[in-house]
Amino acid sequence: LRPLPRSRATRLLVPYIGVDAPVMNLRLDQEGRLTAPPEEKADLAGWYEGGPSPGEQGTAVVVGHLDTMSGPAVFAGLGELKRGSRVEFRRADGRTAVYGVDAVKSYEKDDFPNDEVYGFRGRPELRLITCGGTYRPRTGYSGNVVVFAHLTEVREPGRGARTR
């Protein structure tokens, strides 16, 4: 399956956990950390626009809140995904990039494996990231949940799918 050209992600669908969410673009903050969608927008997923877009060669990174003060958020069920679960991104060019989940892993923030999570693997891959671990009011969550997935299908606008 050939990688797609760059195109902004517009919508995220994760049928297994009932996610159908708009996607906003995210950047790094002044300390070089990836920002998250605004807390008052609990239904938004955020794509790191400084990296590959969904379907493009490399590792696309998408983050979302686990919960907010008002209750569960877009990635509340992320840890429930299983190997083979489907993740779909609608793109601004009309294509849909479909990924298959390879693994779901939890990490403590102090031991977060940047190379494993963000590293280049030579194919179009995806990481979905949310908070995890123990919540403490002063410091927030102690860890992260990371979904690892790879591109398995591309749906062209008005046409069928291309698969591997």
C-alpha atoms as a PDB file:
ATOM      1  CA  LEU A   1       0.000   0.000   0.000  1.00  0.00           C
ATOM      2  CA  ARG A   2       1.562   3.274  -1.099  1.00  0.00           C
ATOM      3  CA  PRO A   3       1.612   6.245   1.276  1.00  0.00           C
ATOM      4  CA  LEU A   4      -0.679   9.165   0.528  1.00  0.00           C
ATOM      5  CA  PRO A   5       0.390  12.740  -0.161  1.00  0.00           C
ATOM      6  CA  ARG A   6       0.001  15.284   2.626  1.00  0.00           C
ATOM      7  CA  SER A   7      -3.553  16.329   3.485  1.00  0.00           C
ATOM      8  CA  ARG A   8      -5.031  17.661   6.706  1.00  0.00           C
ATOM      9  CA  ALA A   9      -7.076  15.302   8.883  1.00  0.00           C
ATOM     10  CA  THR A  10     -10.673  16.501   9.277  1.00  0.00           C
ATOM     11  CA  ARG A  11     -12.472  13.718  11.163  1.00  0.00           C
ATOM     12  CA  LEU A  12     -11.530  10.686  13.278  1.00  0.00           C
ATOM     13  CA  LEU A  13     -13.688   7.563  13.485  1.00  0.00           C
ATOM     14  CA  VAL A  14     -12.992   4.680  15.867  1.00  0.00           C
ATOM     15  CA  PRO A  15     -16.074   2.441  15.598  1.00  0.00           C
ATOM     16  CA  TYR A  16     -15.067  -0.010  18.357  1.00  0.00           C
ATOM     17  CA  ILE A  17     -15.266   2.714  21.021  1.00  0.00           C
ATOM     18  CA  GLY A  18     -17.894   4.917  19.365  1.00  0.00           C
ATOM     19  CA  VAL A  19     -15.627   7.837  18.449  1.00  0.00           C
ATOM     20  CA  ASP A  20     -16.713  10.145  15.619  1.00  0.00           C
ATOM     21  CA  ALA A  21     -14.833  13.375  16.261  1.00  0.00           C
ATOM     22  CA  PRO A  22     -13.657  16.503  14.485  1.00  0.00           C
ATOM     23  CA  VAL A  23      -9.883  16.943  14.288  1.00  0.00           C
ATOM     24  CA  MET A  24      -8.006  20.172  14.978  1.00  0.00           C
ATOM     25  CA  ASN A  25      -4.376  20.960  14.133  1.00  0.00           C
ATOM     26  CA  LEU A  26      -1.874  21.056  17.028  1.00  0.00           C
ATOM     27  CA  ARG A  27       1.623  22.459  17.441  1.00  0.00           C
ATOM     28  CA  LEU A  28       4.433  22.247  19.977  1.00  0.00           C
ATOM     29  CA  ASP A  29       4.493  24.653  22.930  1.00  0.00           C
ATOM     30  CA  GLN A  30       7.482  26.863  23.833  1.00  0.00           C
ATOM     31  CA  GLU A  31       9.137  23.961  25.688  1.00  0.00           C
ATOM     32  CA  GLY A  32       8.810  21.692  22.637  1.00  0.00           C
ATOM     33  CA  ARG A  33       5.932  19.628  24.057  1.00  0.00           C
ATOM     34  CA  LEU A  34       2.900  18.694  22.019  1.00  0.00           C
ATOM     35  CA  THR A  35      -0.131  20.727  23.029  1.00  0.00           C
ATOM     36  CA  ALA A  36      -3.582  19.180  23.512  1.00  0.00           C
ATOM     37  CA  PRO A  37      -6.983  20.361  22.304  1.00  0.00           C
ATOM     38  CA  PRO A  38      -8.603  22.948  24.615  1.00  0.00           C
ATOM     39  CA  GLU A  39     -10.088  21.274  27.697  1.00  0.00           C
ATOM     40  CA  GLU A  40     -13.483  22.864  27.042  1.00  0.00           C
ATOM     41  CA  LYS A  41     -13.546  21.033  23.676  1.00  0.00           C
ATOM     42  CA  ALA A  42     -13.620  17.495  25.106  1.00  0.00           C
ATOM     43  CA  ASP A  43     -14.955  16.034  21.839  1.00  0.00           C
ATOM     44  CA  LEU A  44     -11.968  17.186  19.731  1.00  0.00           C
ATOM     45  CA  ALA A  45      -8.989  15.088  18.678  1.00  0.00           C
ATOM     46  CA  GLY A  46      -5.787  16.932  17.786  1.00  0.00           C
ATOM     47  CA  TRP A  47      -3.357  16.049  14.993  1.00  0.00           C
ATOM     48  CA  TYR A  48       0.263  17.225  15.298  1.00  0.00           C
ATOM     49  CA  GLU A  49       0.605  19.235  12.091  1.00  0.00           C
ATOM     50  CA  GLY A  50       4.421  19.317  12.345  1.00  0.00           C
ATOM     51  CA  GLY A  51       4.529  15.591  11.557  1.00  0.00           C
ATOM     52  CA  PRO A  52       3.070  13.381   8.839  1.00  0.00           C
ATOM     53  CA  SER A  53      -0.628  13.606   8.071  1.00  0.00           C
ATOM     54  CA  PRO A  54      -2.769  10.446   8.371  1.00  0.00           C
ATOM     55  CA  GLY A  55      -1.900   8.173   5.448  1.00  0.00           C
ATOM     56  CA  GLU A  56       1.394   9.915   4.741  1.00  0.00           C
ATOM     57  CA  GLN A  57       4.757   8.122   5.113  1.00  0.00           C
ATOM     58  CA  GLY A  58       5.937   8.209   8.741  1.00  0.00           C
ATOM     59  CA  THR A  59       4.209   8.319  12.105  1.00  0.00           C
ATOM     60  CA  ALA A  60       1.126  10.541  12.384  1.00  0.00           C
ATOM     61  CA  VAL A  61       0.412  11.613  15.976  1.00  0.00           C
ATOM     62  CA  VAL A  62      -3.083  12.356  17.278  1.00  0.00           C
ATOM     63  CA  VAL A  63      -3.913  13.262  20.878  1.00  0.00           C
ATOM     64  CA  GLY A  64      -7.123  13.708  22.797  1.00  0.00           C
ATOM     65  CA  HIS A  65      -8.353  14.064  26.347  1.00  0.00           C
ATOM     66  CA  LEU A  66      -9.302  11.037  28.446  1.00  0.00           C
ATOM     67  CA  ASP A  67     -11.675  13.153  30.500  1.00  0.00           C
ATOM     68  CA  THR A  68     -12.270  16.712  31.660  1.00  0.00           C
ATOM     69  CA  MET A  69     -13.984  18.315  34.660  1.00  0.00           C
ATOM     70  CA  SER A  70     -17.290  17.785  32.840  1.00  0.00           C
ATOM     71  CA  GLY A  71     -16.844  14.014  32.321  1.00  0.00           C
ATOM     72  CA  PRO A  72     -15.470  11.539  29.744  1.00  0.00           C
ATOM     73  CA  ALA A  73     -13.761  12.990  26.671  1.00  0.00           C
ATOM     74  CA  VAL A  74     -13.001  11.853  23.114  1.00  0.00           C
ATOM     75  CA  PHE A  75     -10.384   9.226  24.088  1.00  0.00           C
ATOM     76  CA  ALA A  76     -12.131   7.871  27.215  1.00  0.00           C
ATOM     77  CA  GLY A  77     -12.260   4.374  25.696  1.00  0.00           C
ATOM     78  CA  LEU A  78      -8.841   4.355  24.029  1.00  0.00           C
ATOM     79  CA  GLY A  79      -7.400   1.703  26.349  1.00  0.00           C
ATOM     80  CA  GLU A  80     -10.193  -0.700  25.315  1.00  0.00           C
ATOM     81  CA  LEU A  81      -9.012  -0.958  21.698  1.00  0.00           C
ATOM     82  CA  LYS A  82      -7.804  -4.388  20.609  1.00  0.00           C
ATOM     83  CA  ARG A  83      -5.313  -5.609  18.022  1.00  0.00           C
ATOM     84  CA  GLY A  84      -7.073  -5.366  14.656  1.00  0.00           C
ATOM     85  CA  SER A  85      -9.495  -2.604  15.715  1.00  0.00           C
ATOM     86  CA  ARG A  86     -10.063  -0.067  12.932  1.00  0.00           C
ATOM     87  CA  VAL A  87      -9.192   3.643  13.099  1.00  0.00           C
ATOM     88  CA  GLU A  88     -10.285   5.888  10.215  1.00  0.00           C
ATOM     89  CA  PHE A  89      -9.279   9.411   9.278  1.00  0.00           C
ATOM     90  CA  ARG A  90     -11.217  11.484   6.815  1.00  0.00           C
ATOM     91  CA  ARG A  91      -8.882  13.888   5.080  1.00  0.00           C
ATOM     92  CA  ALA A  92      -9.320  17.290   3.444  1.00  0.00           C
ATOM     93  CA  ASP A  93      -8.567  15.725   0.025  1.00  0.00           C
ATOM     94  CA  GLY A  94     -11.629  13.448   0.348  1.00  0.00           C
ATOM     95  CA  ARG A  95      -9.679  10.245   0.957  1.00  0.00           C
ATOM     96  CA  THR A  96     -10.064   8.114   4.081  1.00  0.00           C
ATOM     97  CA  ALA A  97      -6.928   6.596   5.640  1.00  0.00           C
ATOM     98  CA  VAL A  98      -7.792   3.379   7.503  1.00  0.00           C
ATOM     99  CA  TYR A  99      -5.439   1.960  10.126  1.00  0.00           C
ATOM    100  CA  GLY A 100      -5.361  -1.383  11.935  1.00  0.00           C
ATOM    101  CA  VAL A 101      -4.379  -1.373  15.610  1.00  0.00           C
ATOM    102  CA  ASP A 102      -1.184  -3.312  16.370  1.00  0.00           C
ATOM    103  CA  ALA A 103      -0.935  -2.692  20.119  1.00  0.00           C
ATOM    104  CA  VAL A 104      -2.180  -0.591  23.031  1.00  0.00           C
ATOM    105  CA  LYS A 105       0.463   0.233  25.647  1.00  0.00           C
ATOM    106  CA  SER A 106       0.589   2.235  28.879  1.00  0.00           C
ATOM    107  CA  TYR A 107       3.605   4.215  30.048  1.00  0.00           C
ATOM    108  CA  GLU A 108       4.455   6.308  33.088  1.00  0.00           C
ATOM    109  CA  LYS A 109       5.284   9.881  32.056  1.00  0.00           C
ATOM    110  CA  ASP A 110       8.768   9.563  33.602  1.00  0.00           C
ATOM    111  CA  ASP A 111       9.501   6.497  31.429  1.00  0.00           C
ATOM    112  CA  PHE A 112       7.819   7.592  28.198  1.00  0.00           C
ATOM    113  CA  PRO A 113       9.719   5.965  25.280  1.00  0.00           C
ATOM    114  CA  ASN A 114       9.876   8.834  22.775  1.00  0.00           C
ATOM    115  CA  ASP A 115      11.763   6.833  20.128  1.00  0.00           C
ATOM    116  CA  GLU A 116       9.348   3.893  20.274  1.00  0.00           C
ATOM    117  CA  VAL A 117       6.279   6.125  20.125  1.00  0.00           C
ATOM    118  CA  TYR A 118       7.372   8.832  17.687  1.00  0.00           C
ATOM    119  CA  GLY A 119      10.115   7.058  15.717  1.00  0.00           C
ATOM    120  CA  PHE A 120      10.016   6.457  11.963  1.00  0.00           C
ATOM    121  CA  ARG A 121       9.180   2.874  10.976  1.00  0.00           C
ATOM    122  CA  GLY A 122       9.403   3.097   7.170  1.00  0.00           C
ATOM    123  CA  ARG A 123       5.657   2.922   6.554  1.00  0.00           C
ATOM    124  CA  PRO A 124       2.558   5.010   7.299  1.00  0.00           C
ATOM    125  CA  GLU A 125       1.827   4.541  10.989  1.00  0.00           C
ATOM    126  CA  LEU A 126      -0.357   6.186  13.604  1.00  0.00           C
ATOM    127  CA  ARG A 127      -0.156   6.887  17.321  1.00  0.00           C
ATOM    128  CA  LEU A 128      -3.245   7.844  19.299  1.00  0.00           C
ATOM    129  CA  ILE A 129      -2.256   9.235  22.697  1.00  0.00           C
ATOM    130  CA  THR A 130      -4.219  10.123  25.822  1.00  0.00           C
ATOM    131  CA  CYS A 131      -3.646  10.328  29.557  1.00  0.00           C
ATOM    132  CA  GLY A 132      -3.537   7.256  31.774  1.00  0.00           C
ATOM    133  CA  GLY A 133      -2.338   5.982  35.107  1.00  0.00           C
ATOM    134  CA  THR A 134      -3.272   7.620  38.402  1.00  0.00           C
ATOM    135  CA  TYR A 135      -4.864  11.067  38.555  1.00  0.00           C
ATOM    136  CA  ARG A 136      -3.674  13.596  41.131  1.00  0.00           C
ATOM    137  CA  PRO A 137      -5.262  17.066  41.256  1.00  0.00           C
ATOM    138  CA  ARG A 138      -1.905  18.886  41.469  1.00  0.00           C
ATOM    139  CA  THR A 139       0.022  17.004  38.808  1.00  0.00           C
ATOM    140  CA  GLY A 140      -2.640  15.430  36.586  1.00  0.00           C
ATOM    141  CA  TYR A 141      -2.326  11.906  35.245  1.00  0.00           C
ATOM    142  CA  SER A 142       0.829   9.900  35.940  1.00  0.00           C
ATOM    143  CA  GLY A 143       1.049   8.277  32.519  1.00  0.00           C
ATOM    144  CA  ASN A 144      -0.156   7.893  28.970  1.00  0.00           C
ATOM    145  CA  VAL A 145      -2.031   5.313  26.933  1.00  0.00           C
ATOM    146  CA  VAL A 146      -0.660   4.922  23.393  1.00  0.00           C
ATOM    147  CA  VAL A 147      -2.293   3.091  20.495  1.00  0.00           C
ATOM    148  CA  PHE A 148       0.096   1.839  17.794  1.00  0.00           C
ATOM    149  CA  ALA A 149      -1.438   1.285  14.343  1.00  0.00           C
ATOM    150  CA  HIS A 150      -0.429   0.995  10.678  1.00  0.00           C
ATOM    151  CA  LEU A 151      -2.149   1.947   7.421  1.00  0.00           C
ATOM    152  CA  THR A 152      -4.181  -0.961   6.022  1.00  0.00           C
ATOM    153  CA  GLU A 153      -6.550   0.649   3.518  1.00  0.00           C
ATOM    154  CA  VAL A 154      -7.199   3.841   1.588  1.00  0.00           C
ATOM    155  CA  ARG A 155     -10.693   4.813   0.480  1.00  0.00           C
ATOM    156  CA  GLU A 156     -10.784   7.111  -2.514  1.00  0.00           C
ATOM    157  CA  PRO A 157     -13.625   9.636  -2.774  1.00  0.00           C
ATOM    158  CA  GLY A 158     -16.498   8.078  -4.732  1.00  0.00           C
ATOM    159  CA  ARG A 159     -14.567   4.864  -5.375  1.00  0.00           C
ATOM    160  CA  GLY A 160     -13.684   1.622  -3.662  1.00  0.00           C
ATOM    161  CA  ALA A 161     -10.859   0.843  -1.311  1.00  0.00           C
ATOM    162  CA  ARG A 162      -7.214   0.048  -1.959  1.00  0.00           C
ATOM    163  CA  THR A 163      -5.824  -2.478   0.501  1.00  0.00           C
ATOM    164  CA  ARG A 164      -2.531  -4.122   1.067  1.00  0.00           C
END
